[in-house]
N, C-alpha and C. Protein backbone atom coordinates (compact mmCIF):
# COMPACT_ATOMS: atom_id res chain seq x y z
N UNK A 1 9.16 33.51 4.30
CA UNK A 1 7.76 32.95 3.27
C UNK A 1 7.54 31.32 3.35
N UNK A 2 6.29 31.07 3.11
CA UNK A 2 5.75 30.00 2.91
C UNK A 2 6.46 29.09 1.97
N UNK A 3 6.68 27.98 2.78
CA UNK A 3 7.39 26.65 1.75
C UNK A 3 6.49 25.55 1.43
N UNK A 4 6.82 25.11 0.16
CA UNK A 4 5.99 23.84 -0.31
C UNK A 4 6.66 22.64 -0.11
N UNK A 5 5.78 21.45 0.96
CA UNK A 5 6.35 20.40 1.05
C UNK A 5 6.91 19.72 -0.28
N UNK A 6 8.16 19.11 0.00
CA UNK A 6 8.74 18.53 -0.75
C UNK A 6 9.70 19.50 -1.58
N UNK A 7 9.36 20.80 -1.49
CA UNK A 7 10.22 21.80 -2.54
C UNK A 7 11.41 22.24 -1.90
N UNK A 8 12.83 21.93 -2.46
CA UNK A 8 14.04 22.42 -1.74
C UNK A 8 14.12 24.05 -1.70
N UNK A 9 14.89 24.33 -0.86
CA UNK A 9 14.93 25.85 -0.63
C UNK A 9 16.56 25.91 0.12
N UNK A 10 17.08 27.16 0.10
CA UNK A 10 18.52 27.49 0.31
C UNK A 10 18.07 28.34 1.82
N UNK A 11 18.57 28.04 3.10
CA UNK A 11 18.57 28.78 4.55
C UNK A 11 20.04 29.52 4.30
N UNK A 12 20.38 30.47 4.87
CA UNK A 12 21.43 31.04 5.10
C UNK A 12 21.90 30.99 6.89
N UNK A 13 23.21 30.57 7.14
CA UNK A 13 23.53 30.63 8.28
C UNK A 13 24.55 31.65 8.66
N UNK A 14 24.56 32.60 9.63
CA UNK A 14 25.62 33.79 9.70
C UNK A 14 26.04 33.42 11.19
N UNK A 15 27.61 33.51 11.18
CA UNK A 15 28.11 33.80 12.53
C UNK A 15 27.91 35.18 12.80
N UNK A 16 27.44 35.67 14.15
CA UNK A 16 27.47 37.11 14.36
C UNK A 16 27.59 37.35 15.57
N UNK A 17 28.13 38.77 15.80
CA UNK A 17 28.63 39.20 17.13
C UNK A 17 27.12 39.58 17.73
N UNK A 18 27.18 40.36 18.82
CA UNK A 18 26.32 40.58 19.93
C UNK A 18 25.17 41.56 18.94
N UNK A 19 25.76 42.19 18.41
CA UNK A 19 25.17 43.43 17.76
C UNK A 19 24.54 42.88 16.17
N UNK A 20 24.62 41.52 15.95
CA UNK A 20 24.03 40.95 14.70
C UNK A 20 25.17 41.16 13.33
N UNK A 21 26.33 41.74 13.59
CA UNK A 21 27.29 42.16 12.54
C UNK A 21 27.64 40.54 12.42
N UNK A 22 27.88 40.22 11.08
CA UNK A 22 28.68 39.14 10.50
C UNK A 22 30.15 39.14 10.96
N UNK A 23 30.46 37.78 11.69
CA UNK A 23 32.12 37.71 12.11
C UNK A 23 32.77 36.96 11.17
N UNK A 24 33.69 37.37 10.28
CA UNK A 24 34.48 36.58 9.48
C UNK A 24 35.72 36.04 10.17
N UNK A 25 36.11 36.16 11.21
CA UNK A 25 37.45 35.52 11.44
C UNK A 25 37.34 34.25 11.87
N UNK A 26 36.24 33.51 12.37
CA UNK A 26 36.25 32.04 12.50
C UNK A 26 35.62 31.26 11.76
N UNK A 27 35.83 30.24 11.80
CA UNK A 27 35.11 29.33 10.98
C UNK A 27 34.82 27.93 11.55
N UNK A 28 34.04 27.85 12.14
CA UNK A 28 33.46 26.77 13.25
C UNK A 28 32.43 25.88 11.92
N UNK A 29 32.16 24.55 12.48
CA UNK A 29 31.41 23.47 11.82
C UNK A 29 30.20 23.75 12.35
N UNK A 30 29.05 23.93 11.53
CA UNK A 30 27.60 24.28 11.76
C UNK A 30 26.81 22.87 11.52
N UNK A 31 26.01 22.56 12.27
CA UNK A 31 25.14 21.64 12.10
C UNK A 31 23.44 22.04 12.10
N UNK A 32 22.60 21.62 11.59
CA UNK A 32 21.08 22.12 11.75
C UNK A 32 20.52 20.96 12.09
N UNK A 33 19.19 21.55 12.55
CA UNK A 33 17.91 20.68 13.17
C UNK A 33 16.74 21.44 12.77
N UNK A 34 15.79 20.70 12.53
CA UNK A 34 14.39 21.04 12.29
C UNK A 34 13.60 20.55 13.01
N UNK A 35 12.38 21.01 13.42
CA UNK A 35 11.29 20.17 14.05
C UNK A 35 10.27 19.76 13.09
N UNK A 36 10.65 19.85 11.71
CA UNK A 36 10.18 18.67 11.01
C UNK A 36 10.44 17.05 11.20
N UNK A 37 9.41 16.49 11.93
CA UNK A 37 9.92 15.06 12.09
C UNK A 37 10.06 14.39 10.73
N UNK A 38 9.65 14.52 9.60
CA UNK A 38 9.99 13.62 8.41
C UNK A 38 10.77 14.08 7.53
N UNK A 39 11.59 15.34 7.50
CA UNK A 39 12.36 15.71 6.75
C UNK A 39 13.89 15.10 7.21
N UNK A 40 14.93 15.31 5.91
CA UNK A 40 16.52 14.78 6.09
C UNK A 40 17.09 15.93 6.69
N UNK A 41 17.65 15.88 7.57
CA UNK A 41 18.61 17.20 8.25
C UNK A 41 19.79 16.97 7.00
N UNK A 42 20.41 18.28 6.47
CA UNK A 42 21.62 18.16 5.73
C UNK A 42 22.67 17.91 6.68
N UNK A 43 24.00 17.44 6.08
CA UNK A 43 24.96 17.27 6.67
C UNK A 43 25.74 18.65 7.20
N UNK A 44 26.72 18.39 7.96
CA UNK A 44 27.59 19.64 8.85
C UNK A 44 28.27 20.52 7.77
N UNK A 45 28.28 21.91 7.83
CA UNK A 45 29.19 22.50 6.89
C UNK A 45 29.82 23.44 7.77
N UNK A 46 31.13 24.05 7.22
CA UNK A 46 31.89 24.74 8.09
C UNK A 46 31.71 26.38 7.22
N UNK A 47 31.62 27.20 8.06
CA UNK A 47 31.35 28.61 7.71
C UNK A 47 32.59 29.18 7.20
N UNK A 48 32.13 30.09 5.62
CA UNK A 48 33.52 30.31 4.99
C UNK A 48 32.87 32.04 5.22
N UNK A 49 33.98 32.81 5.48
CA UNK A 49 33.88 34.18 5.89
C UNK A 49 32.42 34.60 6.89
N UNK A 50 32.33 33.40 7.76
CA UNK A 50 31.14 33.84 8.50
C UNK A 50 29.78 33.20 8.19
N UNK A 51 29.50 32.72 6.69
CA UNK A 51 28.47 32.35 6.29
C UNK A 51 28.62 30.99 5.82
N UNK A 52 27.25 30.48 5.30
CA UNK A 52 27.30 28.90 4.79
C UNK A 52 25.61 28.77 4.47
N UNK A 53 25.57 28.25 3.61
CA UNK A 53 24.22 27.63 2.79
C UNK A 53 23.56 26.06 3.07
N UNK A 54 22.73 25.96 3.66
CA UNK A 54 22.21 24.83 4.00
C UNK A 54 20.83 24.73 3.07
N UNK A 55 20.45 23.62 2.33
CA UNK A 55 19.58 22.97 1.52
C UNK A 55 18.51 22.58 2.29
N UNK A 56 17.36 22.58 2.38
CA UNK A 56 16.07 21.85 3.47
C UNK A 56 14.98 21.85 2.40
N UNK A 57 14.53 20.59 2.58
CA UNK A 57 13.10 20.03 1.99
C UNK A 57 12.20 19.72 3.04
N UNK A 58 11.30 20.54 3.59
CA UNK A 58 10.43 20.11 4.39
C UNK A 58 9.64 19.10 3.81
N UNK A 59 9.02 18.29 4.65
CA UNK A 59 7.95 17.21 4.64
C UNK A 59 6.41 17.59 5.03
N UNK A 60 6.48 17.61 6.41
CA UNK A 60 5.24 17.93 6.65
C UNK A 60 4.35 19.60 6.70
N UNK A 61 3.34 19.22 6.38
CA UNK A 61 2.57 20.84 6.51
C UNK A 61 2.54 21.17 7.86
N UNK A 62 2.62 22.44 8.12
CA UNK A 62 2.82 22.88 9.28
C UNK A 62 2.50 24.36 9.25
N UNK A 63 1.71 25.11 10.31
CA UNK A 63 1.87 26.49 10.36
C UNK A 63 3.38 27.04 10.87
N UNK A 64 3.92 26.20 11.24
CA UNK A 64 5.58 26.92 11.26
C UNK A 64 6.47 25.95 11.84
N UNK A 65 7.53 25.95 10.92
CA UNK A 65 8.58 25.07 11.35
C UNK A 65 9.87 25.75 11.63
N UNK A 66 10.85 25.36 12.60
CA UNK A 66 11.62 25.99 12.94
C UNK A 66 13.16 25.23 12.33
N UNK A 67 14.10 26.09 11.99
CA UNK A 67 15.65 25.41 11.73
C UNK A 67 16.47 26.03 12.96
N UNK A 68 17.03 25.16 13.87
CA UNK A 68 18.18 25.72 14.49
C UNK A 68 19.58 25.43 13.93
N UNK A 69 20.35 26.29 14.10
CA UNK A 69 21.93 25.96 13.74
C UNK A 69 22.59 25.85 15.35
N UNK A 70 23.61 24.79 14.94
CA UNK A 70 24.31 24.67 16.41
C UNK A 70 25.85 24.64 15.96
N UNK A 71 26.73 25.02 17.02
CA UNK A 71 27.95 25.03 16.75
C UNK A 71 28.74 25.15 18.18
N UNK A 72 29.42 24.02 18.58
CA UNK A 72 30.02 23.99 19.86
C UNK A 72 29.87 24.90 20.95
N UNK A 73 30.44 26.13 21.19
CA UNK A 73 30.29 26.64 22.30
C UNK A 73 29.51 28.11 22.03
N UNK A 74 29.27 28.07 20.73
CA UNK A 74 28.30 29.39 19.97
C UNK A 74 26.83 28.96 20.56
N UNK A 75 26.41 30.31 20.73
CA UNK A 75 24.78 30.41 20.88
C UNK A 75 23.94 29.80 19.92
N UNK A 76 23.00 28.68 20.01
CA UNK A 76 22.32 28.00 19.03
C UNK A 76 21.68 29.50 18.43
N UNK A 77 21.34 29.33 17.09
CA UNK A 77 20.62 30.21 16.39
C UNK A 77 19.08 29.44 15.91
N UNK A 78 18.13 30.12 16.11
CA UNK A 78 16.76 29.77 16.03
C UNK A 78 16.21 30.40 14.69
N UNK A 79 15.68 30.11 13.89
CA UNK A 79 14.79 31.09 12.74
C UNK A 79 13.50 31.22 13.31
N UNK A 80 12.69 32.11 12.54
CA UNK A 80 11.55 32.49 12.73
C UNK A 80 10.58 31.13 12.15
N UNK A 81 9.36 31.08 12.63
CA UNK A 81 8.40 29.97 11.95
C UNK A 81 8.48 30.01 10.79
N UNK A 82 8.62 29.31 10.01
CA UNK A 82 8.70 29.05 8.46
C UNK A 82 7.36 28.05 7.87
N UNK A 83 6.01 28.82 7.44
CA UNK A 83 4.75 27.99 7.39
C UNK A 83 5.20 27.16 6.13
N UNK A 84 4.73 25.86 6.40
CA UNK A 84 5.00 24.70 5.18
C UNK A 84 3.36 24.62 4.50
N UNK A 85 3.18 24.55 3.48
CA UNK A 85 2.02 24.23 2.80
C UNK A 85 2.32 22.84 2.10
N UNK A 86 1.13 22.59 1.65
CA UNK A 86 1.02 21.00 1.10
C UNK A 86 1.59 20.99 -0.39
N UNK A 87 1.73 20.03 -1.25
CA UNK A 87 2.05 20.00 -2.49
C UNK A 87 1.23 19.95 -2.99
N UNK A 88 1.18 19.49 -4.53
CA UNK A 88 0.16 19.15 -5.24
C UNK A 88 -0.45 17.70 -5.06
N UNK A 89 -1.77 17.49 -5.32
CA UNK A 89 -2.39 16.32 -4.84
C UNK A 89 -2.01 15.03 -5.97
N UNK A 90 -1.54 14.08 -5.28
CA UNK A 90 -1.19 13.00 -6.05
C UNK A 90 -1.68 11.60 -5.69
N UNK A 91 -2.73 11.71 -4.36
CA UNK A 91 -3.10 10.28 -3.99
C UNK A 91 -4.15 10.68 -3.29
N UNK A 92 -5.23 9.42 -2.62
CA UNK A 92 -6.19 9.50 -1.95
C UNK A 92 -5.76 8.59 -0.70
N UNK A 93 -6.26 8.98 0.54
CA UNK A 93 -6.06 8.52 1.73
C UNK A 93 -7.64 8.00 2.35
N UNK A 94 -7.66 6.95 2.83
CA UNK A 94 -8.81 6.37 3.35
C UNK A 94 -8.88 6.18 4.68
N UNK A 95 -9.77 6.56 5.83
CA UNK A 95 -9.53 6.59 7.24
C UNK A 95 -10.89 5.88 7.72
N UNK A 96 -10.58 5.05 8.42
CA UNK A 96 -12.04 4.24 8.98
C UNK A 96 -11.67 4.28 10.61
N UNK A 97 -12.77 4.15 11.14
CA UNK A 97 -12.71 4.30 12.84
C UNK A 97 -11.49 3.62 13.32
N UNK A 98 -10.54 3.99 14.12
CA UNK A 98 -9.49 3.63 14.84
C UNK A 98 -7.92 4.34 14.06
N UNK A 99 -8.26 4.77 12.81
CA UNK A 99 -7.21 5.51 12.40
C UNK A 99 -7.06 6.86 12.37
N UNK A 100 -6.10 7.12 12.23
CA UNK A 100 -5.93 9.04 12.53
C UNK A 100 -4.84 9.43 11.35
N UNK A 101 -5.16 10.30 10.60
CA UNK A 101 -4.04 10.84 9.40
C UNK A 101 -2.74 11.47 10.13
N UNK A 102 -1.72 11.04 10.01
CA UNK A 102 -0.38 11.42 10.12
C UNK A 102 0.21 11.99 9.06
N UNK A 103 0.06 13.50 8.95
CA UNK A 103 0.45 13.94 7.67
C UNK A 103 2.02 14.11 7.74
N UNK A 104 2.72 14.03 6.38
CA UNK A 104 3.96 14.08 6.35
C UNK A 104 4.71 12.61 6.69
N UNK A 105 3.71 11.65 7.26
CA UNK A 105 4.65 10.26 7.51
C UNK A 105 4.95 9.37 6.19
N UNK A 106 5.62 8.64 6.52
CA UNK A 106 5.47 7.40 4.98
C UNK A 106 4.16 6.70 4.91
N UNK A 107 3.18 6.63 5.86
CA UNK A 107 2.21 6.07 5.38
C UNK A 107 0.83 6.84 5.69
N UNK A 108 1.15 7.99 6.09
CA UNK A 108 0.03 9.14 6.11
C UNK A 108 -1.00 8.82 7.29
N UNK A 109 -1.05 7.83 7.90
CA UNK A 109 -1.65 7.63 9.14
C UNK A 109 -0.90 6.56 10.13
N UNK A 110 -1.89 6.46 11.25
CA UNK A 110 -1.65 5.90 12.61
C UNK A 110 -3.12 5.13 12.80
N UNK A 111 -2.66 4.13 13.66
CA UNK A 111 -3.77 3.39 14.20
C UNK A 111 -3.99 1.99 13.35
N UNK A 112 -5.03 1.72 13.60
CA UNK A 112 -5.33 0.29 12.83
C UNK A 112 -7.09 0.31 13.05
N UNK A 113 -7.79 -0.07 12.08
CA UNK A 113 -9.09 -0.43 11.92
C UNK A 113 -9.75 -1.12 12.97
N UNK A 114 -10.65 -0.49 13.75
CA UNK A 114 -11.32 -1.10 14.67
C UNK A 114 -12.13 -2.15 14.62
N UNK A 115 -11.64 -3.44 14.16
CA UNK A 115 -11.94 -4.54 13.74
C UNK A 115 -12.58 -5.27 15.00
N UNK A 116 -13.51 -6.13 15.15
CA UNK A 116 -14.41 -5.98 13.79
C UNK A 116 -15.57 -5.15 13.53
N UNK A 117 -15.82 -4.72 12.44
CA UNK A 117 -17.04 -3.88 11.96
C UNK A 117 -18.30 -4.83 11.90
N UNK A 118 -19.19 -4.59 12.86
CA UNK A 118 -20.42 -5.46 12.82
C UNK A 118 -21.33 -5.29 11.69
N UNK A 119 -21.90 -6.22 10.89
CA UNK A 119 -22.59 -6.23 9.88
C UNK A 119 -23.87 -5.36 10.37
N UNK A 120 -24.22 -4.47 9.38
CA UNK A 120 -25.41 -3.96 9.94
C UNK A 120 -25.27 -2.64 10.67
N UNK A 121 -23.97 -2.56 11.05
CA UNK A 121 -23.51 -1.20 11.95
C UNK A 121 -23.17 -0.28 10.91
N UNK A 122 -23.55 0.97 11.32
CA UNK A 122 -22.85 2.09 10.37
C UNK A 122 -21.51 2.83 10.83
N UNK A 123 -20.66 2.97 10.19
CA UNK A 123 -19.51 3.60 10.61
C UNK A 123 -18.78 4.76 9.40
N UNK A 124 -18.16 5.53 9.96
CA UNK A 124 -17.84 6.78 8.96
C UNK A 124 -16.50 6.03 8.44
N UNK A 125 -16.60 6.55 6.96
CA UNK A 125 -14.96 6.81 6.00
C UNK A 125 -14.65 7.92 6.16
N UNK A 126 -13.54 8.14 5.93
CA UNK A 126 -13.00 9.70 5.50
C UNK A 126 -11.91 9.69 4.39
N UNK A 127 -12.27 10.36 3.23
CA UNK A 127 -11.34 10.57 2.43
C UNK A 127 -10.56 11.88 2.14
N UNK A 128 -9.55 11.37 1.95
CA UNK A 128 -8.64 13.19 1.79
C UNK A 128 -7.88 13.06 0.69
N UNK A 129 -7.73 14.27 0.02
CA UNK A 129 -6.96 14.38 -1.16
C UNK A 129 -5.69 14.73 -0.67
N UNK A 130 -4.43 14.02 -0.94
CA UNK A 130 -3.27 14.23 -0.32
C UNK A 130 -2.14 14.23 -1.61
N UNK A 131 -0.96 15.07 -1.18
CA UNK A 131 0.47 15.19 -1.76
C UNK A 131 0.98 14.02 -1.65
N UNK A 132 2.22 14.28 -2.05
CA UNK A 132 3.05 12.57 -2.03
C UNK A 132 3.43 12.45 -0.46
N UNK A 133 3.30 13.45 0.41
CA UNK A 133 3.72 13.10 1.65
C UNK A 133 2.49 13.14 2.54
N UNK A 134 1.37 12.77 2.13
CA UNK A 134 0.30 12.54 2.77
C UNK A 134 -0.16 13.68 3.66
N UNK A 135 0.04 14.86 3.18
CA UNK A 135 -0.53 16.19 3.50
C UNK A 135 -1.59 16.02 3.12
N UNK A 136 -2.82 16.71 3.80
CA UNK A 136 -4.14 16.74 3.17
C UNK A 136 -4.12 18.11 2.17
N UNK A 137 -4.30 18.15 1.16
CA UNK A 137 -4.68 19.18 0.16
C UNK A 137 -5.62 20.12 0.06
N UNK A 138 -5.92 21.27 0.73
CA UNK A 138 -7.07 21.84 1.07
C UNK A 138 -7.68 22.45 0.09
N UNK A 139 -6.95 22.69 -1.25
CA UNK A 139 -7.23 23.77 -2.34
C UNK A 139 -7.96 22.67 -3.48
N UNK A 140 -8.33 21.38 -2.97
CA UNK A 140 -8.76 20.52 -4.35
C UNK A 140 -9.94 20.17 -3.84
N UNK A 141 -11.12 20.05 -4.89
CA UNK A 141 -12.33 19.38 -4.78
C UNK A 141 -12.64 18.35 -5.85
N UNK A 142 -11.86 17.30 -5.98
CA UNK A 142 -12.12 16.22 -6.80
C UNK A 142 -13.54 15.31 -6.60
N UNK A 143 -14.02 14.99 -7.85
CA UNK A 143 -15.04 14.04 -7.53
C UNK A 143 -14.10 12.67 -7.34
N UNK A 144 -15.07 11.73 -6.17
CA UNK A 144 -14.10 10.60 -5.97
C UNK A 144 -15.48 9.36 -6.06
N UNK A 145 -15.09 8.29 -6.26
CA UNK A 145 -16.11 7.00 -6.13
C UNK A 145 -15.44 6.18 -4.98
N UNK A 146 -15.78 5.55 -4.09
CA UNK A 146 -15.36 4.65 -3.09
C UNK A 146 -16.20 3.66 -3.47
N UNK A 147 -15.50 2.24 -3.38
CA UNK A 147 -16.05 0.98 -3.54
C UNK A 147 -15.76 0.45 -2.59
N UNK A 148 -16.41 -0.70 -2.22
CA UNK A 148 -16.20 -1.88 -1.24
C UNK A 148 -16.34 -3.34 -1.84
N UNK A 149 -15.93 -4.26 -1.24
CA UNK A 149 -15.84 -5.72 -1.54
C UNK A 149 -17.34 -6.45 -1.28
N UNK A 150 -18.05 -5.54 -0.43
CA UNK A 150 -19.35 -5.97 -0.02
C UNK A 150 -20.00 -5.89 -1.25
N UNK A 151 -21.02 -6.96 -1.66
CA UNK A 151 -21.79 -6.75 -2.82
C UNK A 151 -23.11 -6.28 -2.69
N UNK A 152 -23.44 -6.21 -1.25
CA UNK A 152 -24.85 -5.58 -0.71
C UNK A 152 -25.12 -4.43 -0.03
N UNK A 153 -24.06 -3.67 0.08
CA UNK A 153 -23.81 -2.38 0.88
C UNK A 153 -24.23 -1.59 -0.67
N UNK A 154 -24.76 0.00 0.25
CA UNK A 154 -25.18 0.92 -0.71
C UNK A 154 -24.15 1.79 -0.77
N UNK A 155 -23.58 1.70 -2.21
CA UNK A 155 -22.21 2.57 -2.24
C UNK A 155 -22.64 3.92 -2.90
N UNK A 156 -24.24 4.30 -3.16
CA UNK A 156 -24.72 5.47 -3.94
C UNK A 156 -24.25 6.61 -3.27
N UNK A 157 -23.99 6.62 -1.86
CA UNK A 157 -23.69 7.95 -1.22
C UNK A 157 -22.15 7.78 -1.30
N UNK A 158 -21.34 7.12 -1.80
CA UNK A 158 -19.91 7.27 -1.90
C UNK A 158 -19.32 7.70 -3.13
N UNK A 159 -20.47 8.20 -3.93
CA UNK A 159 -19.76 9.06 -5.09
C UNK A 159 -20.21 10.41 -4.97
N UNK A 160 -18.97 11.25 -4.22
CA UNK A 160 -19.00 12.33 -3.89
C UNK A 160 -18.03 13.07 -4.12
N UNK A 161 -18.16 14.37 -4.11
CA UNK A 161 -17.19 15.57 -4.64
C UNK A 161 -16.37 16.10 -3.09
N UNK A 162 -15.26 16.06 -2.96
CA UNK A 162 -14.58 16.30 -1.57
C UNK A 162 -14.67 17.81 -1.78
N UNK A 163 -14.66 18.21 -0.11
CA UNK A 163 -14.68 19.71 0.03
C UNK A 163 -13.36 20.21 0.55
N UNK A 164 -12.77 20.85 -0.01
CA UNK A 164 -11.20 21.57 0.83
C UNK A 164 -10.39 20.40 0.86
N UNK A 165 -10.34 19.37 0.37
CA UNK A 165 -9.73 18.01 0.12
C UNK A 165 -10.03 16.96 0.86
N UNK A 166 -11.34 17.11 1.57
CA UNK A 166 -11.62 15.81 2.45
C UNK A 166 -13.25 15.81 2.55
N UNK A 167 -13.91 14.46 2.68
CA UNK A 167 -15.10 14.15 2.84
C UNK A 167 -15.15 13.10 4.01
N UNK A 168 -16.47 13.18 4.63
CA UNK A 168 -16.55 12.02 5.61
C UNK A 168 -17.96 11.35 4.95
N UNK A 169 -18.14 10.21 4.90
CA UNK A 169 -19.51 9.60 4.59
C UNK A 169 -19.67 8.18 5.48
N UNK A 170 -21.04 8.19 5.75
CA UNK A 170 -21.32 6.95 6.23
C UNK A 170 -21.65 5.87 5.29
N UNK A 171 -21.30 4.38 5.88
CA UNK A 171 -21.33 3.33 5.10
C UNK A 171 -21.52 2.22 6.04
N UNK A 172 -22.33 1.28 5.34
CA UNK A 172 -22.85 0.07 6.15
C UNK A 172 -22.71 -1.13 5.67
N UNK A 173 -21.56 -1.84 6.05
CA UNK A 173 -21.43 -3.13 5.67
C UNK A 173 -22.78 -4.23 5.70
N UNK A 174 -23.16 -4.85 4.84
CA UNK A 174 -24.42 -5.67 4.85
C UNK A 174 -24.14 -7.62 4.84
N UNK A 175 -22.48 -7.96 4.44
CA UNK A 175 -22.50 -9.11 4.57
C UNK A 175 -20.91 -9.55 5.52
N UNK A 176 -20.89 -10.55 5.80
CA UNK A 176 -19.41 -10.63 6.58
C UNK A 176 -19.22 -12.29 6.77
N UNK A 177 -18.47 -12.50 7.89
CA UNK A 177 -18.06 -13.94 8.31
C UNK A 177 -18.84 -13.98 9.60
N UNK A 178 -19.38 -15.35 9.96
CA UNK A 178 -20.12 -15.90 10.99
C UNK A 178 -18.86 -15.92 11.74
N UNK A 179 -18.92 -15.45 13.11
CA UNK A 179 -18.12 -15.34 14.49
C UNK A 179 -18.87 -15.60 15.42
N UNK A 180 -18.49 -16.33 16.54
CA UNK A 180 -19.32 -16.50 17.81
C UNK A 180 -20.37 -15.68 18.04
N UNK A 181 -21.31 -16.53 18.97
CA UNK A 181 -22.33 -15.64 19.47
C UNK A 181 -23.37 -15.08 18.50
N UNK A 182 -23.55 -15.74 17.23
CA UNK A 182 -24.23 -15.50 16.21
C UNK A 182 -24.09 -13.83 15.65
N UNK A 183 -22.79 -13.29 15.87
CA UNK A 183 -22.86 -12.08 15.28
C UNK A 183 -22.24 -11.98 13.99
N UNK A 184 -22.47 -11.21 13.05
CA UNK A 184 -21.58 -11.12 11.81
C UNK A 184 -20.62 -10.21 12.05
N UNK A 185 -19.42 -10.20 11.44
CA UNK A 185 -18.44 -9.17 11.47
C UNK A 185 -18.18 -9.10 9.94
N UNK A 186 -17.88 -7.68 9.74
CA UNK A 186 -17.54 -7.58 8.22
C UNK A 186 -16.12 -7.46 8.03
N UNK A 187 -15.81 -7.96 7.26
CA UNK A 187 -14.38 -7.90 6.76
C UNK A 187 -14.17 -7.52 5.20
N UNK A 188 -14.49 -6.58 4.90
CA UNK A 188 -14.14 -5.82 3.59
C UNK A 188 -13.35 -5.03 3.33
N UNK A 189 -13.08 -4.77 2.24
CA UNK A 189 -11.96 -3.99 1.59
C UNK A 189 -12.52 -2.28 0.91
N UNK A 190 -12.53 -1.41 1.37
CA UNK A 190 -12.53 -0.26 0.78
C UNK A 190 -11.61 0.20 -0.36
N UNK A 191 -11.92 0.49 -1.39
CA UNK A 191 -11.25 1.36 -2.50
C UNK A 191 -11.72 2.66 -3.05
N UNK A 192 -10.78 3.53 -3.06
CA UNK A 192 -11.21 5.10 -3.73
C UNK A 192 -10.59 5.28 -4.96
N UNK A 193 -11.08 5.90 -6.16
CA UNK A 193 -10.41 6.32 -6.98
C UNK A 193 -11.24 7.85 -7.12
N UNK A 194 -10.41 8.48 -8.06
CA UNK A 194 -10.64 9.53 -8.68
C UNK A 194 -11.66 9.83 -9.74
């Protein structure tokens, strides 16, 4: 069944024979691994009567995460795909050109702003509603206001309602710092609030 990012759940690991009957005669130590890059794997456990229970907390939203159980010379066991959905919205993410969302990561994004932004050049900003693990929350549509430190840009288009947890808007900085060849580059900060 579908799991929620950040919500712990229990998974059972059984030692079975070729016909999927639980084998109770052995007590191997089992380790587990998932393909969620951002969760913390539980420690190794010893099977008791052919069974043990691991607690998992998936972090990254996905259409299917797998759990693999490993134990010495036994064949690895792999779970079915476990869908992971986002948690409750807790924060907003702002992306500018050069940045890409990286759901589940500690920063929520990768890359760096494609500096410098040239004054009077239009570029996009994307605002995402996210859970505590930077997963985009697609079932929320809050109104947000984006502001910048540029006193002369037009922020009237930046007071918007997110659609399915996200919105992309154009912005044009009007002031900047003078840097060589008579080009002005914008070095402003963008802030977003619900």
